[in-house]
Protein backbone atom coordinates (compact mmCIF):
# COMPACT_ATOMS: atom_id res chain seq x y z
CA MET A 1 123.97 23.66 -32.26
CA ASP A 2 120.86 25.08 -33.87
CA SER A 3 121.49 26.05 -37.52
CA LEU A 4 119.99 29.50 -36.92
CA LEU A 5 122.69 30.23 -34.35
CA ARG A 6 125.67 28.64 -36.13
CA PRO A 7 126.71 31.91 -37.86
CA LEU A 8 127.05 33.52 -34.42
CA LEU A 9 130.06 31.36 -33.61
CA ASP A 10 132.24 33.61 -35.79
CA ALA A 11 130.29 36.86 -35.37
CA PRO A 12 131.68 39.85 -33.49
CA PRO A 13 130.61 39.92 -29.82
CA PRO A 14 128.22 42.89 -30.14
CA VAL A 15 126.32 41.03 -32.86
CA VAL A 16 126.10 37.89 -30.70
CA TYR A 17 124.76 39.86 -27.73
CA LEU A 18 122.24 41.67 -29.94
CA VAL A 19 120.95 38.60 -31.80
CA CYS A 20 120.63 36.59 -28.58
CA ALA A 21 118.84 39.47 -26.83
CA VAL A 22 116.38 39.82 -29.72
CA LEU A 23 115.68 36.06 -29.72
CA ILE A 24 115.16 35.98 -25.95
CA THR A 25 112.87 39.03 -25.99
CA ALA A 26 110.89 37.85 -29.00
CA GLU A 27 110.25 34.40 -27.55
CA THR A 28 107.98 35.86 -24.89
CA ALA A 29 106.97 39.18 -26.47
CA LEU A 30 105.62 37.57 -29.63
CA LEU A 31 103.13 34.74 -29.31
CA PRO A 32 104.66 32.87 -32.30
CA GLY A 33 108.03 33.33 -30.55
CA ILE A 34 107.31 30.05 -28.83
CA VAL A 35 109.35 28.35 -31.60
CA LEU A 36 112.49 30.48 -31.25
CA PRO A 37 115.72 28.78 -30.10
CA THR A 38 116.25 30.74 -26.88
CA LEU A 39 117.71 27.81 -24.99
CA SER A 40 120.27 27.37 -27.76
CA ALA A 41 121.02 31.09 -27.65
CA LEU A 42 121.68 31.02 -23.91
CA LEU A 43 123.80 27.89 -24.13
CA LEU A 44 125.77 29.48 -26.97
CA MET A 45 126.35 32.64 -24.93
CA GLY A 46 127.62 30.58 -22.00
CA PHE A 47 129.81 28.51 -24.31
CA LEU A 48 131.29 31.62 -25.96
CA ALA A 49 131.87 33.21 -22.55
CA GLU A 50 133.98 30.23 -21.51
CA ARG A 51 135.88 30.43 -24.81
CA GLY A 52 136.63 34.11 -24.19
CA THR A 53 134.55 35.48 -27.08
CA LEU A 54 131.92 36.94 -24.74
CA HIS A 55 132.09 38.05 -21.13
CA PHE A 56 129.88 36.13 -18.71
CA GLY A 57 129.48 39.32 -16.65
CA LEU A 58 127.86 41.01 -19.66
CA ALA A 59 126.04 37.97 -21.07
CA LEU A 60 124.02 37.54 -17.87
CA PRO A 61 122.54 41.06 -17.70
CA VAL A 62 121.88 41.02 -21.45
CA ALA A 63 119.96 37.74 -21.14
CA VAL A 64 118.09 38.80 -17.99
CA SER A 65 117.14 42.20 -19.43
CA ALA A 66 115.92 40.63 -22.66
CA ALA A 67 113.83 38.06 -20.78
CA VAL A 68 112.30 40.71 -18.51
CA LEU A 69 111.55 42.98 -21.48
CA GLY A 70 109.78 40.17 -23.31
CA ASP A 71 107.78 39.33 -20.19
CA GLN A 72 106.72 42.95 -19.69
CA LEU A 73 105.56 43.31 -23.30
CA ALA A 74 103.59 40.07 -23.07
CA TYR A 75 102.06 41.11 -19.72
CA LEU A 76 100.94 44.42 -21.25
CA GLU A 77 99.45 42.54 -24.20
CA GLY A 78 97.50 40.37 -21.77
CA ARG A 79 96.28 43.43 -19.84
CA HIS A 80 95.22 45.19 -23.02
CA TRP A 81 93.71 42.33 -25.02
CA GLY A 82 92.72 39.98 -22.20
CA PRO A 83 90.53 37.01 -23.11
CA ARG A 84 90.45 38.07 -26.78
CA LEU A 85 93.95 36.59 -27.08
CA ARG A 86 92.47 33.11 -26.72
CA ARG A 87 90.47 33.58 -29.91
CA THR A 88 93.47 34.28 -32.15
CA ARG A 89 94.40 31.59 -34.66
CA PHE A 90 97.78 30.98 -33.06
CA ALA A 91 96.30 30.81 -29.56
CA ARG A 92 93.78 28.21 -30.71
CA ARG A 93 96.71 26.11 -31.92
CA ILE A 94 98.16 26.24 -28.39
CA GLY A 95 94.92 24.80 -27.12
CA GLN A 96 92.26 25.76 -24.63
CA ASP A 97 93.56 23.22 -22.12
CA ARG A 98 97.02 24.84 -21.94
CA TRP A 99 95.50 28.30 -21.56
CA ASP A 100 93.22 27.04 -18.79
CA ARG A 101 96.08 25.32 -16.92
CA ALA A 102 98.28 28.41 -17.17
CA GLU A 103 95.46 30.64 -15.93
CA ALA A 104 94.66 28.32 -13.02
CA ALA A 105 98.33 28.16 -11.99
CA VAL A 106 98.77 31.94 -12.12
CA ALA A 107 95.57 32.51 -10.17
CA ARG A 108 96.45 29.94 -7.52
CA TYR A 109 100.20 30.40 -7.10
CA GLY A 110 100.90 33.97 -8.29
CA VAL A 111 104.61 34.87 -8.25
CA PRO A 112 105.81 31.24 -7.92
CA ALA A 113 103.76 30.40 -11.05
CA VAL A 114 105.49 33.22 -12.95
CA ILE A 115 108.87 31.90 -11.81
CA ALA A 116 108.05 28.29 -12.70
CA GLY A 117 106.56 29.36 -16.02
CA ARG A 118 109.84 30.93 -17.11
CA CYS A 119 111.57 27.56 -16.80
CA LEU A 120 109.12 25.66 -19.03
CA ALA A 121 109.44 26.06 -22.78
CA GLY A 122 106.15 27.14 -24.32
CA VAL A 123 104.67 28.01 -20.96
CA ARG A 124 107.00 31.01 -20.62
CA THR A 125 105.30 32.52 -23.68
CA LEU A 126 101.82 32.13 -22.16
CA VAL A 127 102.28 32.95 -18.48
CA PRO A 128 102.93 36.71 -18.83
CA ARG A 129 99.86 37.09 -21.06
CA VAL A 130 97.73 35.07 -18.68
CA ALA A 131 99.00 37.12 -15.73
CA GLY A 132 98.11 40.33 -17.54
CA SER A 133 94.72 39.03 -18.62
CA ALA A 134 93.95 37.84 -15.10
CA ALA A 135 94.86 41.32 -13.78
CA MET A 136 97.68 40.02 -11.60
CA PRO A 137 99.07 43.12 -9.85
CA TYR A 138 101.94 44.49 -11.93
CA ARG A 139 104.39 44.74 -9.04
CA ARG A 140 103.89 41.07 -8.16
CA PHE A 141 104.28 40.08 -11.80
CA ALA A 142 107.40 42.21 -12.24
CA LEU A 143 108.97 40.70 -9.10
CA GLY A 144 108.31 37.19 -10.36
CA SER A 145 109.54 38.06 -13.84
CA VAL A 146 112.86 39.47 -12.63
CA CYS A 147 113.48 36.58 -10.20
CA ALA A 148 112.61 34.04 -12.88
CA ALA A 149 114.78 35.70 -15.52
CA VAL A 150 117.80 35.76 -13.20
CA LEU A 151 117.39 32.09 -12.26
CA TRP A 152 116.64 30.91 -15.80
CA ALA A 153 119.36 32.89 -17.57
CA SER A 154 121.97 32.06 -14.91
CA ALA A 155 121.26 28.34 -15.09
CA GLU A 156 121.28 28.15 -18.89
CA LEU A 157 124.37 30.31 -19.29
CA LEU A 158 126.16 28.23 -16.67
CA VAL A 159 125.29 24.99 -18.46
CA GLY A 160 126.71 26.43 -21.70
CA HIS A 161 129.78 27.62 -19.82
CA LEU A 162 130.36 24.22 -18.21
CA THR A 163 129.79 22.43 -21.51
CA ALA A 164 132.63 24.40 -23.04
CA LEU A 165 134.90 23.22 -20.24
CA VAL A 166 134.35 19.55 -21.03
CA LEU A 167 134.59 19.86 -24.83
């Protein structure tokens, strides 16, 4: 388990929900969030739900809400700052090629690109910004974001839950 998340194993449930929600939101909402351990956070939540520390029925909406919130903030950043985002120091480290591929996928595939982007580490940080910058209609983006968050969070929580069963 990621060392950043290890203290959460003994933390009270409200703290676990809060820390995991902040990590999940920040991964997408903040461009440097690309390095945050959101997968570990989701797996931990699923694991702790199986162990009885957390409730799966609460972990899922917390994770989905946090993911959607991060997406919305990143989309708004893309709408507001647009192509100027590509000129930031951190964005240059991501690389022009990745930005171009993300933009081409969003332009070509729309909502399915938003859904697929959520499932790819690193890409999930870029896709909402690219969608905002490319002026993807907000309703289409929001639909894709919610669908993607439900699929992504459900799958990762379930893997954590099932892992606890076999350990």
